[in-house]
Amino acid sequence: MVDNKSIFSVAMKVESGDASLSWSGAAGSMQAEDKYFIASVTKMYITAIIMKLIDEGKIRLEYKINKYLPSEFSTKLHFFKGVDYSDQLTIKHLITNTSGIPDYFFHKQENGRTVADDLLEGKDEAWPLERTIGLIKGLKPKFKPGKKAAYSDSNYQLLGKIIEEVSGLSIPEIMKTYIFDHLGLKNTYVYQDISDNIPAPFYYGSKKLWLPNYMASIGPEGGIVSTVDEVMVFLKAFFAGFFFPKEKIGTLKEWKMIFPPPGLFQFGIGLEKLWIPRILFPFKYPGEILGFWGQTGTFAFFNPKTDLYFCGTTNQVNGAGHRKASGLIIKTIKSMI
């Protein structure tokens, strides 16, 4: 994966459900035990917490977000074709990316630039929820809530705030209480200290990016730091029913197609599925590959057909890492069918 000169560090782990097959490795500037930003794979941890809060009777997907959020975060969020849909937005709209709320990260502003443009040029700035809300209230929504799906980090910043309001805990506290401590994860945490330079940096093409102020501000959408060993522990626990009844995995599969970035995939209720046209694999179709991508080439996926789990990072923002990782995942699955 690093030989193509577009990926400079990679770490990954592959394991079967019973751990009879378990392999981890790294190349480039990483070791297999290194810590890295798991980026949007963090959103799968948010899914686990939301599902746990539902089981505890503290929230419901159908509830309106203004039931939980202070008015400054829930009003004037969604004006579409002259209609204010803000008071119709639900938790389900957020966690399924069907809210229509613009993605603060990639949505073009009036000057033609995006937040991503500045960050990828190395301009390190914090983007907490308060700043995100200020931006998206001035942007045009993509569609009426519930009609389509469009990936939006803004949705998960709002979900993070809802979790904090419902639980009375900050995102780092609830992640530690509900997930990290329960699974015995000693090397996993929500990034908060901008002087912490332990996580592996990521790249945009050949440019190394170090954005501590930004990463410390986006806890619920992408701020977890972990290792391949500990992401694997979480991934297996997620699909084994550790956080919510295993049979409820099926209820998360309300798939809608999502387009780049980072590529074609389907999005359900806080869960993603790789889009794999059957025509490309007429004899050895890999079946469902479920989990989550991260913008920096991070991944955490499960293939029920072979009972294989995959996680890791390519630390590459421009999509090259996603292509290499998905190709390797599919090739490994086909070899086991």
C-alpha atoms as a PDB file:
ATOM      1  CA  MET A   1       0.000   0.000   0.000  1.00  0.00           C
ATOM      2  CA  VAL A   2       2.853   2.423   0.645  1.00  0.00           C
ATOM      3  CA  ASP A   3       4.749   1.422  -2.490  1.00  0.00           C
ATOM      4  CA  ASN A   4       2.536   3.555  -4.734  1.00  0.00           C
ATOM      5  CA  LYS A   5       4.043   6.739  -3.235  1.00  0.00           C
ATOM      6  CA  SER A   6       0.619   8.230  -2.438  1.00  0.00           C
ATOM      7  CA  ILE A   7       0.387   6.665   1.026  1.00  0.00           C
ATOM      8  CA  PHE A   8       3.104   7.375   3.566  1.00  0.00           C
ATOM      9  CA  SER A   9       1.896   5.494   6.627  1.00  0.00           C
ATOM     10  CA  VAL A  10      -0.531   2.646   7.125  1.00  0.00           C
ATOM     11  CA  ALA A  11      -1.539   0.360   9.968  1.00  0.00           C
ATOM     12  CA  MET A  12      -4.258  -2.262   9.885  1.00  0.00           C
ATOM     13  CA  LYS A  13      -5.655  -5.356  11.545  1.00  0.00           C
ATOM     14  CA  VAL A  14      -7.688  -8.285  10.237  1.00  0.00           C
ATOM     15  CA  GLU A  15      -9.376 -10.736  12.582  1.00  0.00           C
ATOM     16  CA  SER A  16     -12.008 -13.456  12.439  1.00  0.00           C
ATOM     17  CA  GLY A  17     -14.910 -13.549  14.860  1.00  0.00           C
ATOM     18  CA  ASP A  18     -13.355 -16.277  16.989  1.00  0.00           C
ATOM     19  CA  ALA A  19      -9.862 -14.724  16.659  1.00  0.00           C
ATOM     20  CA  SER A  20      -8.469 -17.954  15.196  1.00  0.00           C
ATOM     21  CA  LEU A  21      -7.216 -15.705  12.419  1.00  0.00           C
ATOM     22  CA  SER A  22      -5.627 -12.503  13.656  1.00  0.00           C
ATOM     23  CA  TRP A  23      -3.100 -10.371  11.822  1.00  0.00           C
ATOM     24  CA  SER A  24      -1.884  -6.820  12.239  1.00  0.00           C
ATOM     25  CA  GLY A  25       0.810  -4.904  10.423  1.00  0.00           C
ATOM     26  CA  ALA A  26       2.096  -1.483   9.440  1.00  0.00           C
ATOM     27  CA  ALA A  27       4.278   0.165   6.819  1.00  0.00           C
ATOM     28  CA  GLY A  28       5.792   3.521   6.040  1.00  0.00           C
ATOM     29  CA  SER A  29       6.245   5.715   9.096  1.00  0.00           C
ATOM     30  CA  MET A  30       3.852   3.756  11.359  1.00  0.00           C
ATOM     31  CA  GLN A  31       4.145   0.752  13.663  1.00  0.00           C
ATOM     32  CA  ALA A  32       1.181  -1.546  14.269  1.00  0.00           C
ATOM     33  CA  GLU A  33       0.834  -0.348  17.873  1.00  0.00           C
ATOM     34  CA  ASP A  34       0.857   3.377  17.023  1.00  0.00           C
ATOM     35  CA  LYS A  35      -2.016   5.652  17.977  1.00  0.00           C
ATOM     36  CA  TYR A  36      -3.878   7.459  15.198  1.00  0.00           C
ATOM     37  CA  PHE A  37      -6.903   9.699  14.677  1.00  0.00           C
ATOM     38  CA  ILE A  38      -9.770   7.405  13.740  1.00  0.00           C
ATOM     39  CA  ALA A  39     -11.585  10.406  12.149  1.00  0.00           C
ATOM     40  CA  SER A  40     -15.204   9.677  11.190  1.00  0.00           C
ATOM     41  CA  VAL A  41     -15.011   6.110  12.427  1.00  0.00           C
ATOM     42  CA  THR A  42     -15.768   8.034  15.642  1.00  0.00           C
ATOM     43  CA  LYS A  43     -19.346   8.309  14.352  1.00  0.00           C
ATOM     44  CA  MET A  44     -19.821   4.578  14.826  1.00  0.00           C
ATOM     45  CA  TYR A  45     -19.021   5.082  18.516  1.00  0.00           C
ATOM     46  CA  ILE A  46     -21.704   7.787  18.545  1.00  0.00           C
ATOM     47  CA  THR A  47     -24.117   5.234  17.060  1.00  0.00           C
ATOM     48  CA  ALA A  48     -23.327   2.830  19.899  1.00  0.00           C
ATOM     49  CA  ILE A  49     -24.053   5.552  22.476  1.00  0.00           C
ATOM     50  CA  ILE A  50     -27.296   6.636  20.769  1.00  0.00           C
ATOM     51  CA  MET A  51     -28.520   3.038  20.651  1.00  0.00           C
ATOM     52  CA  LYS A  52     -27.610   2.574  24.309  1.00  0.00           C
ATOM     53  CA  LEU A  53     -29.484   5.762  25.262  1.00  0.00           C
ATOM     54  CA  ILE A  54     -32.509   4.475  23.328  1.00  0.00           C
ATOM     55  CA  ASP A  55     -32.400   1.191  25.277  1.00  0.00           C
ATOM     56  CA  GLU A  56     -32.210   3.207  28.500  1.00  0.00           C
ATOM     57  CA  GLY A  57     -35.368   5.059  27.464  1.00  0.00           C
ATOM     58  CA  LYS A  58     -33.638   8.447  27.430  1.00  0.00           C
ATOM     59  CA  ILE A  59     -34.182   9.295  23.759  1.00  0.00           C
ATOM     60  CA  ARG A  60     -36.072   8.108  20.684  1.00  0.00           C
ATOM     61  CA  LEU A  61     -35.060   8.474  17.064  1.00  0.00           C
ATOM     62  CA  GLU A  62     -38.408  10.040  16.190  1.00  0.00           C
ATOM     63  CA  TYR A  63     -38.109  12.824  18.764  1.00  0.00           C
ATOM     64  CA  LYS A  64     -37.515  16.349  17.499  1.00  0.00           C
ATOM     65  CA  ILE A  65     -34.055  17.745  18.160  1.00  0.00           C
ATOM     66  CA  ASN A  66     -35.523  20.901  19.687  1.00  0.00           C
ATOM     67  CA  LYS A  67     -36.716  18.711  22.560  1.00  0.00           C
ATOM     68  CA  TYR A  68     -33.081  18.391  23.650  1.00  0.00           C
ATOM     69  CA  LEU A  69     -31.163  21.338  22.243  1.00  0.00           C
ATOM     70  CA  PRO A  70     -31.059  24.927  23.487  1.00  0.00           C
ATOM     71  CA  SER A  71     -32.874  27.260  21.085  1.00  0.00           C
ATOM     72  CA  GLU A  72     -29.662  28.803  19.746  1.00  0.00           C
ATOM     73  CA  PHE A  73     -28.716  25.371  18.353  1.00  0.00           C
ATOM     74  CA  SER A  74     -32.117  24.260  17.056  1.00  0.00           C
ATOM     75  CA  THR A  75     -33.795  27.333  15.520  1.00  0.00           C
ATOM     76  CA  LYS A  76     -33.258  28.772  12.018  1.00  0.00           C
ATOM     77  CA  LEU A  77     -31.251  25.699  11.039  1.00  0.00           C
ATOM     78  CA  HIS A  78     -33.172  24.664   7.952  1.00  0.00           C
ATOM     79  CA  PHE A  79     -34.804  27.127   5.546  1.00  0.00           C
ATOM     80  CA  PHE A  80     -35.540  25.384   2.246  1.00  0.00           C
ATOM     81  CA  LYS A  81     -37.503  26.981  -0.617  1.00  0.00           C
ATOM     82  CA  GLY A  82     -39.027  29.531   1.718  1.00  0.00           C
ATOM     83  CA  VAL A  83     -40.111  27.032   4.374  1.00  0.00           C
ATOM     84  CA  ASP A  84     -38.543  26.699   7.827  1.00  0.00           C
ATOM     85  CA  TYR A  85     -38.201  22.997   8.609  1.00  0.00           C
ATOM     86  CA  SER A  86     -36.096  23.529  11.742  1.00  0.00           C
ATOM     87  CA  ASP A  87     -38.815  22.359  14.151  1.00  0.00           C
ATOM     88  CA  GLN A  88     -39.368  19.188  12.091  1.00  0.00           C
ATOM     89  CA  LEU A  89     -35.806  17.891  12.374  1.00  0.00           C
ATOM     90  CA  THR A  90     -35.480  14.646  14.328  1.00  0.00           C
ATOM     91  CA  ILE A  91     -32.636  12.651  15.825  1.00  0.00           C
ATOM     92  CA  LYS A  92     -33.194  10.122  13.052  1.00  0.00           C
ATOM     93  CA  HIS A  93     -32.643  12.802  10.406  1.00  0.00           C
ATOM     94  CA  LEU A  94     -29.265  13.561  11.971  1.00  0.00           C
ATOM     95  CA  ILE A  95     -28.010  10.004  12.456  1.00  0.00           C
ATOM     96  CA  THR A  96     -29.122   8.928   8.955  1.00  0.00           C
ATOM     97  CA  ASN A  97     -27.671  12.019   7.222  1.00  0.00           C
ATOM     98  CA  THR A  98     -31.136  12.780   5.828  1.00  0.00           C
ATOM     99  CA  SER A  99     -31.536  16.166   7.536  1.00  0.00           C
ATOM    100  CA  GLY A 100     -30.492  18.218   4.532  1.00  0.00           C
ATOM    101  CA  ILE A 101     -28.423  20.407   6.871  1.00  0.00           C
ATOM    102  CA  PRO A 102     -25.317  21.575   4.977  1.00  0.00           C
ATOM    103  CA  ASP A 103     -21.992  19.972   5.775  1.00  0.00           C
ATOM    104  CA  TYR A 104     -19.936  22.788   7.283  1.00  0.00           C
ATOM    105  CA  PHE A 105     -16.745  20.986   6.216  1.00  0.00           C
ATOM    106  CA  PHE A 106     -17.289  20.684   2.444  1.00  0.00           C
ATOM    107  CA  HIS A 107     -20.155  23.092   1.687  1.00  0.00           C
ATOM    108  CA  LYS A 108     -19.090  26.035  -0.490  1.00  0.00           C
ATOM    109  CA  GLN A 109     -19.480  29.438   1.088  1.00  0.00           C
ATOM    110  CA  GLU A 110     -20.215  32.698  -0.749  1.00  0.00           C
ATOM    111  CA  ASN A 111     -16.499  33.192  -1.408  1.00  0.00           C
ATOM    112  CA  GLY A 112     -16.399  29.844  -3.208  1.00  0.00           C
ATOM    113  CA  ARG A 113     -14.229  28.216  -0.552  1.00  0.00           C
ATOM    114  CA  THR A 114     -14.934  25.547   2.025  1.00  0.00           C
ATOM    115  CA  VAL A 115     -13.704  24.944   5.560  1.00  0.00           C
ATOM    116  CA  ALA A 116     -11.886  21.932   4.129  1.00  0.00           C
ATOM    117  CA  ASP A 117      -9.945  24.168   1.742  1.00  0.00           C
ATOM    118  CA  ASP A 118      -8.432  26.141   4.622  1.00  0.00           C
ATOM    119  CA  LEU A 119      -7.676  23.080   6.725  1.00  0.00           C
ATOM    120  CA  LEU A 120      -6.084  21.174   3.868  1.00  0.00           C
ATOM    121  CA  GLU A 121      -3.864  24.165   3.245  1.00  0.00           C
ATOM    122  CA  GLY A 122      -2.653  23.813   6.824  1.00  0.00           C
ATOM    123  CA  LYS A 123      -4.694  26.590   8.441  1.00  0.00           C
ATOM    124  CA  ASP A 124      -5.379  25.000  11.820  1.00  0.00           C
ATOM    125  CA  GLU A 125      -8.515  26.407  13.451  1.00  0.00           C
ATOM    126  CA  ALA A 126     -11.038  25.073  15.945  1.00  0.00           C
ATOM    127  CA  TRP A 127     -14.557  24.339  14.677  1.00  0.00           C
ATOM    128  CA  PRO A 128     -16.733  23.721  17.749  1.00  0.00           C
ATOM    129  CA  LEU A 129     -20.510  23.444  17.449  1.00  0.00           C
ATOM    130  CA  GLU A 130     -21.103  27.126  18.162  1.00  0.00           C
ATOM    131  CA  ARG A 131     -18.994  28.147  15.170  1.00  0.00           C
ATOM    132  CA  THR A 132     -20.499  25.440  12.968  1.00  0.00           C
ATOM    133  CA  ILE A 133     -24.034  26.595  13.763  1.00  0.00           C
ATOM    134  CA  GLY A 134     -23.105  30.165  12.920  1.00  0.00           C
ATOM    135  CA  LEU A 135     -21.867  29.048   9.511  1.00  0.00           C
ATOM    136  CA  ILE A 136     -24.608  26.605   8.507  1.00  0.00           C
ATOM    137  CA  LYS A 137     -27.402  29.024   9.388  1.00  0.00           C
ATOM    138  CA  GLY A 138     -26.143  31.137   6.504  1.00  0.00           C
ATOM    139  CA  LEU A 139     -25.921  28.232   4.041  1.00  0.00           C
ATOM    140  CA  LYS A 140     -28.639  26.756   1.855  1.00  0.00           C
ATOM    141  CA  PRO A 141     -29.874  23.278   2.902  1.00  0.00           C
ATOM    142  CA  LYS A 142     -29.546  20.521   0.333  1.00  0.00           C
ATOM    143  CA  PHE A 143     -33.130  19.225   0.519  1.00  0.00           C
ATOM    144  CA  LYS A 144     -36.256  18.873   2.653  1.00  0.00           C
ATOM    145  CA  PRO A 145     -35.601  16.692   5.739  1.00  0.00           C
ATOM    146  CA  GLY A 146     -36.015  12.972   5.088  1.00  0.00           C
ATOM    147  CA  LYS A 147     -36.140  13.157   1.288  1.00  0.00           C
ATOM    148  CA  LYS A 148     -32.557  12.184   0.441  1.00  0.00           C
ATOM    149  CA  ALA A 149     -29.200  11.460   2.087  1.00  0.00           C
ATOM    150  CA  ALA A 150     -26.132  13.691   2.012  1.00  0.00           C
ATOM    151  CA  TYR A 151     -23.117  13.268   4.249  1.00  0.00           C
ATOM    152  CA  SER A 152     -22.848  16.108   6.768  1.00  0.00           C
ATOM    153  CA  ASP A 153     -20.461  16.390   9.702  1.00  0.00           C
ATOM    154  CA  SER A 154     -22.808  19.077  11.030  1.00  0.00           C
ATOM    155  CA  ASN A 155     -25.335  16.333  11.855  1.00  0.00           C
ATOM    156  CA  TYR A 156     -22.906  14.631  14.200  1.00  0.00           C
ATOM    157  CA  GLN A 157     -21.849  17.816  15.931  1.00  0.00           C
ATOM    158  CA  LEU A 158     -25.543  18.290  16.761  1.00  0.00           C
ATOM    159  CA  LEU A 159     -25.866  14.659  17.867  1.00  0.00           C
ATOM    160  CA  GLY A 160     -22.907  15.179  20.178  1.00  0.00           C
ATOM    161  CA  LYS A 161     -24.645  18.133  21.810  1.00  0.00           C
ATOM    162  CA  ILE A 162     -27.860  16.118  22.223  1.00  0.00           C
ATOM    163  CA  ILE A 163     -25.910  13.323  23.906  1.00  0.00           C
ATOM    164  CA  GLU A 164     -24.338  15.821  26.287  1.00  0.00           C
ATOM    165  CA  GLU A 165     -27.710  17.396  27.132  1.00  0.00           C
ATOM    166  CA  VAL A 166     -29.381  14.018  27.739  1.00  0.00           C
ATOM    167  CA  SER A 167     -26.560  12.413  29.727  1.00  0.00           C
ATOM    168  CA  GLY A 168     -25.217  15.428  31.600  1.00  0.00           C
ATOM    169  CA  LEU A 169     -21.725  14.309  30.527  1.00  0.00           C
ATOM    170  CA  SER A 170     -19.288  15.772  28.019  1.00  0.00           C
ATOM    171  CA  ILE A 171     -18.461  13.707  24.933  1.00  0.00           C
ATOM    172  CA  PRO A 172     -15.046  12.669  26.360  1.00  0.00           C
ATOM    173  CA  GLU A 173     -16.731  11.663  29.634  1.00  0.00           C
ATOM    174  CA  ILE A 174     -19.550   9.650  28.083  1.00  0.00           C
ATOM    175  CA  MET A 175     -17.178   7.940  25.624  1.00  0.00           C
ATOM    176  CA  LYS A 176     -15.004   6.895  28.550  1.00  0.00           C
ATOM    177  CA  THR A 177     -17.953   5.804  30.695  1.00  0.00           C
ATOM    178  CA  TYR A 178     -20.058   4.021  28.068  1.00  0.00           C
ATOM    179  CA  ILE A 179     -17.335   2.583  25.828  1.00  0.00           C
ATOM    180  CA  PHE A 180     -13.654   2.911  26.707  1.00  0.00           C
ATOM    181  CA  ASP A 181     -13.829   1.746  30.343  1.00  0.00           C
ATOM    182  CA  HIS A 182     -16.374  -0.990  29.615  1.00  0.00           C
ATOM    183  CA  LEU A 183     -14.143  -2.468  26.925  1.00  0.00           C
ATOM    184  CA  GLY A 184     -10.915  -1.967  28.889  1.00  0.00           C
ATOM    185  CA  LEU A 185      -9.443   0.339  26.235  1.00  0.00           C
ATOM    186  CA  LYS A 186      -6.301   1.889  27.712  1.00  0.00           C
ATOM    187  CA  ASN A 187      -4.975   3.575  24.560  1.00  0.00           C
ATOM    188  CA  THR A 188      -8.199   5.145  23.293  1.00  0.00           C
ATOM    189  CA  TYR A 189      -9.363   8.660  24.119  1.00  0.00           C
ATOM    190  CA  VAL A 190     -11.080  11.740  22.744  1.00  0.00           C
ATOM    191  CA  TYR A 191      -8.403  14.186  21.628  1.00  0.00           C
ATOM    192  CA  GLN A 192      -8.485  17.373  23.754  1.00  0.00           C
ATOM    193  CA  ASP A 193      -4.908  18.433  24.539  1.00  0.00           C
ATOM    194  CA  ILE A 194      -3.457  20.336  21.563  1.00  0.00           C
ATOM    195  CA  SER A 195       0.050  19.701  22.899  1.00  0.00           C
ATOM    196  CA  ASP A 196      -0.510  15.956  22.475  1.00  0.00           C
ATOM    197  CA  ASN A 197       1.612  15.067  19.428  1.00  0.00           C
ATOM    198  CA  ILE A 198       1.454  11.289  19.844  1.00  0.00           C
ATOM    199  CA  PRO A 199      -1.161  10.445  17.166  1.00  0.00           C
ATOM    200  CA  ALA A 200       0.222   9.782  13.704  1.00  0.00           C
ATOM    201  CA  PRO A 201      -0.186  12.783  11.368  1.00  0.00           C
ATOM    202  CA  PHE A 202      -2.192  12.436   8.204  1.00  0.00           C
ATOM    203  CA  TYR A 203      -1.447  13.638   4.693  1.00  0.00           C
ATOM    204  CA  TYR A 204      -3.151  15.470   1.864  1.00  0.00           C
ATOM    205  CA  GLY A 205      -1.275  14.148  -1.132  1.00  0.00           C
ATOM    206  CA  SER A 206       2.381  14.514  -0.181  1.00  0.00           C
ATOM    207  CA  LYS A 207       1.694  17.302   2.323  1.00  0.00           C
ATOM    208  CA  LYS A 208       1.826  16.343   5.981  1.00  0.00           C
ATOM    209  CA  LEU A 209      -1.010  17.890   8.007  1.00  0.00           C
ATOM    210  CA  TRP A 210      -0.955  18.542  11.733  1.00  0.00           C
ATOM    211  CA  LEU A 211      -4.197  20.177  12.902  1.00  0.00           C
ATOM    212  CA  PRO A 212      -4.402  19.854  16.704  1.00  0.00           C
ATOM    213  CA  ASN A 213      -6.759  22.811  17.247  1.00  0.00           C
ATOM    214  CA  TYR A 214      -9.202  21.415  14.727  1.00  0.00           C
ATOM    215  CA  MET A 215      -9.012  17.812  15.931  1.00  0.00           C
ATOM    216  CA  ALA A 216      -9.523  18.896  19.555  1.00  0.00           C
ATOM    217  CA  SER A 217     -12.734  20.694  18.585  1.00  0.00           C
ATOM    218  CA  ILE A 218     -14.565  17.895  16.739  1.00  0.00           C
ATOM    219  CA  GLY A 219     -15.009  15.193  19.384  1.00  0.00           C
ATOM    220  CA  PRO A 220     -18.348  13.678  18.268  1.00  0.00           C
ATOM    221  CA  GLU A 221     -17.661  13.814  14.535  1.00  0.00           C
ATOM    222  CA  GLY A 222     -14.076  12.584  14.409  1.00  0.00           C
ATOM    223  CA  GLY A 223     -12.000  13.242  17.517  1.00  0.00           C
ATOM    224  CA  ILE A 224     -11.160   9.793  18.865  1.00  0.00           C
ATOM    225  CA  VAL A 225      -7.551   8.572  18.992  1.00  0.00           C
ATOM    226  CA  SER A 226      -6.972   4.817  19.156  1.00  0.00           C
ATOM    227  CA  THR A 227      -4.910   1.865  17.889  1.00  0.00           C
ATOM    228  CA  VAL A 228      -5.776  -0.934  15.474  1.00  0.00           C
ATOM    229  CA  ASP A 229      -5.945  -3.405  18.372  1.00  0.00           C
ATOM    230  CA  GLU A 230      -8.429  -1.290  20.308  1.00  0.00           C
ATOM    231  CA  VAL A 231     -10.559  -0.288  17.316  1.00  0.00           C
ATOM    232  CA  MET A 232     -10.832  -4.021  16.639  1.00  0.00           C
ATOM    233  CA  VAL A 233     -12.101  -4.606  20.181  1.00  0.00           C
ATOM    234  CA  PHE A 234     -14.782  -1.942  19.685  1.00  0.00           C
ATOM    235  CA  LEU A 235     -15.726  -3.159  16.195  1.00  0.00           C
ATOM    236  CA  LYS A 236     -16.288  -6.728  17.340  1.00  0.00           C
ATOM    237  CA  ALA A 237     -18.206  -5.576  20.421  1.00  0.00           C
ATOM    238  CA  PHE A 238     -20.473  -3.392  18.241  1.00  0.00           C
ATOM    239  CA  PHE A 239     -21.585  -6.284  16.046  1.00  0.00           C
ATOM    240  CA  ALA A 240     -21.656  -8.826  18.896  1.00  0.00           C
ATOM    241  CA  GLY A 241     -24.377  -6.952  20.796  1.00  0.00           C
ATOM    242  CA  PHE A 242     -22.228  -5.519  23.586  1.00  0.00           C
ATOM    243  CA  PHE A 243     -23.820  -2.054  23.437  1.00  0.00           C
ATOM    244  CA  PHE A 244     -27.355  -2.963  22.305  1.00  0.00           C
ATOM    245  CA  PRO A 245     -29.139  -6.206  21.374  1.00  0.00           C
ATOM    246  CA  LYS A 246     -27.447  -7.871  18.413  1.00  0.00           C
ATOM    247  CA  GLU A 247     -30.726  -8.378  16.583  1.00  0.00           C
ATOM    248  CA  LYS A 248     -31.133  -4.606  16.322  1.00  0.00           C
ATOM    249  CA  ILE A 249     -28.271  -4.429  13.800  1.00  0.00           C
ATOM    250  CA  GLY A 250     -30.878  -5.221  11.160  1.00  0.00           C
ATOM    251  CA  THR A 251     -32.861  -2.109  12.074  1.00  0.00           C
ATOM    252  CA  LEU A 252     -29.865   0.065  11.197  1.00  0.00           C
ATOM    253  CA  LYS A 253     -29.923  -1.066   7.558  1.00  0.00           C
ATOM    254  CA  GLU A 254     -32.154   1.644   6.080  1.00  0.00           C
ATOM    255  CA  TRP A 255     -29.770   2.223   3.192  1.00  0.00           C
ATOM    256  CA  LYS A 256     -29.550   5.343   1.070  1.00  0.00           C
ATOM    257  CA  MET A 257     -26.766   6.030  -1.416  1.00  0.00           C
ATOM    258  CA  ILE A 258     -24.101   8.553  -0.445  1.00  0.00           C
ATOM    259  CA  PHE A 259     -21.772  10.050  -3.018  1.00  0.00           C
ATOM    260  CA  PRO A 260     -18.167  11.301  -2.561  1.00  0.00           C
ATOM    261  CA  PRO A 261     -16.335  12.006  -0.386  1.00  0.00           C
ATOM    262  CA  PRO A 262     -14.773   9.539   0.090  1.00  0.00           C
ATOM    263  CA  GLY A 263     -16.587   7.402  -2.477  1.00  0.00           C
ATOM    264  CA  LEU A 264     -19.786   5.569  -3.273  1.00  0.00           C
ATOM    265  CA  PHE A 265     -21.289   3.907  -0.244  1.00  0.00           C
ATOM    266  CA  GLN A 266     -24.656   3.432   1.421  1.00  0.00           C
ATOM    267  CA  PHE A 267     -25.695   5.030   4.688  1.00  0.00           C
ATOM    268  CA  GLY A 268     -28.202   3.632   7.157  1.00  0.00           C
ATOM    269  CA  ILE A 269     -28.904   4.559  10.763  1.00  0.00           C
ATOM    270  CA  GLY A 270     -25.408   5.454  11.956  1.00  0.00           C
ATOM    271  CA  LEU A 271     -23.890   2.689   9.843  1.00  0.00           C
ATOM    272  CA  GLU A 272     -22.316   2.461   6.398  1.00  0.00           C
ATOM    273  CA  LYS A 273     -22.186  -0.295   3.784  1.00  0.00           C
ATOM    274  CA  LEU A 274     -19.691  -0.470   0.949  1.00  0.00           C
ATOM    275  CA  TRP A 275     -21.401  -0.281  -2.436  1.00  0.00           C
ATOM    276  CA  ILE A 276     -20.266  -3.327  -4.388  1.00  0.00           C
ATOM    277  CA  PRO A 277     -22.111  -3.954  -7.684  1.00  0.00           C
ATOM    278  CA  ARG A 278     -22.809  -7.688  -8.025  1.00  0.00           C
ATOM    279  CA  ILE A 279     -21.974  -7.544 -11.729  1.00  0.00           C
ATOM    280  CA  LEU A 280     -18.311  -6.929 -10.828  1.00  0.00           C
ATOM    281  CA  PHE A 281     -18.158 -10.152  -8.782  1.00  0.00           C
ATOM    282  CA  PRO A 282     -20.437 -12.699 -10.497  1.00  0.00           C
ATOM    283  CA  PHE A 283     -18.729 -15.734  -8.943  1.00  0.00           C
ATOM    284  CA  LYS A 284     -17.370 -14.572  -5.596  1.00  0.00           C
ATOM    285  CA  TYR A 285     -19.622 -11.801  -4.391  1.00  0.00           C
ATOM    286  CA  PRO A 286     -18.324 -10.591  -1.007  1.00  0.00           C
ATOM    287  CA  GLY A 287     -21.736  -9.815   0.461  1.00  0.00           C
ATOM    288  CA  GLU A 288     -22.297  -7.038   2.967  1.00  0.00           C
ATOM    289  CA  ILE A 289     -19.329  -5.044   4.251  1.00  0.00           C
ATOM    290  CA  LEU A 290     -20.629  -2.988   7.166  1.00  0.00           C
ATOM    291  CA  GLY A 291     -18.957  -0.358   9.307  1.00  0.00           C
ATOM    292  CA  PHE A 292     -17.569   3.127   8.771  1.00  0.00           C
ATOM    293  CA  TRP A 293     -15.088   5.180   6.750  1.00  0.00           C
ATOM    294  CA  GLY A 294     -13.079   8.132   8.005  1.00  0.00           C
ATOM    295  CA  GLN A 295     -12.039  11.052   5.824  1.00  0.00           C
ATOM    296  CA  THR A 296      -8.344  10.432   6.540  1.00  0.00           C
ATOM    297  CA  GLY A 297      -8.424   6.921   5.128  1.00  0.00           C
ATOM    298  CA  THR A 298      -9.483   5.257   8.367  1.00  0.00           C
ATOM    299  CA  PHE A 299     -11.806   2.266   8.277  1.00  0.00           C
ATOM    300  CA  ALA A 300     -13.623  -0.242  10.473  1.00  0.00           C
ATOM    301  CA  PHE A 301     -15.657  -2.893   8.642  1.00  0.00           C
ATOM    302  CA  PHE A 302     -17.247  -6.302   9.210  1.00  0.00           C
ATOM    303  CA  ASN A 303     -18.053  -8.918   6.570  1.00  0.00           C
ATOM    304  CA  PRO A 304     -20.688 -11.373   7.881  1.00  0.00           C
ATOM    305  CA  LYS A 305     -20.158 -13.764   4.961  1.00  0.00           C
ATOM    306  CA  THR A 306     -16.600 -14.627   6.071  1.00  0.00           C
ATOM    307  CA  ASP A 307     -16.906 -13.425   9.693  1.00  0.00           C
ATOM    308  CA  LEU A 308     -13.910 -11.160   9.122  1.00  0.00           C
ATOM    309  CA  TYR A 309     -13.284  -7.776  10.719  1.00  0.00           C
ATOM    310  CA  PHE A 310     -11.000  -5.086   9.277  1.00  0.00           C
ATOM    311  CA  CYS A 311      -9.751  -1.839  10.796  1.00  0.00           C
ATOM    312  CA  GLY A 312      -6.898   0.584  10.337  1.00  0.00           C
ATOM    313  CA  THR A 313      -5.763   3.785   8.703  1.00  0.00           C
ATOM    314  CA  THR A 314      -3.961   4.989   5.611  1.00  0.00           C
ATOM    315  CA  ASN A 315      -3.682   8.582   6.929  1.00  0.00           C
ATOM    316  CA  GLN A 316      -4.424   9.986   3.484  1.00  0.00           C
ATOM    317  CA  VAL A 317      -7.167  12.566   2.899  1.00  0.00           C
ATOM    318  CA  ASN A 318      -7.320  12.608  -0.901  1.00  0.00           C
ATOM    319  CA  GLY A 319      -9.101   9.282  -1.446  1.00  0.00           C
ATOM    320  CA  ALA A 320      -6.102   7.183  -2.454  1.00  0.00           C
ATOM    321  CA  GLY A 321      -6.134   5.481   0.936  1.00  0.00           C
ATOM    322  CA  HIS A 322      -9.817   4.615   0.718  1.00  0.00           C
ATOM    323  CA  ARG A 323      -9.330   2.974  -2.666  1.00  0.00           C
ATOM    324  CA  LYS A 324      -6.346   0.943  -1.466  1.00  0.00           C
ATOM    325  CA  ALA A 325      -8.092  -0.110   1.750  1.00  0.00           C
ATOM    326  CA  SER A 326     -11.355  -1.128   0.070  1.00  0.00           C
ATOM    327  CA  GLY A 327      -9.440  -3.061  -2.592  1.00  0.00           C
ATOM    328  CA  LEU A 328      -7.478  -4.954   0.045  1.00  0.00           C
ATOM    329  CA  ILE A 329     -10.597  -5.691   2.106  1.00  0.00           C
ATOM    330  CA  ILE A 330     -12.450  -7.101  -0.907  1.00  0.00           C
ATOM    331  CA  LYS A 331      -9.433  -9.091  -2.077  1.00  0.00           C
ATOM    332  CA  THR A 332      -9.042 -10.659   1.375  1.00  0.00           C
ATOM    333  CA  ILE A 333     -12.749 -11.533   1.585  1.00  0.00           C
ATOM    334  CA  LYS A 334     -12.687 -13.143  -1.892  1.00  0.00           C
ATOM    335  CA  SER A 335      -9.721 -15.270  -0.893  1.00  0.00           C
ATOM    336  CA  MET A 336     -11.775 -16.704   1.977  1.00  0.00           C
ATOM    337  CA  ILE A 337     -14.934 -17.475   0.016  1.00  0.00           C
END
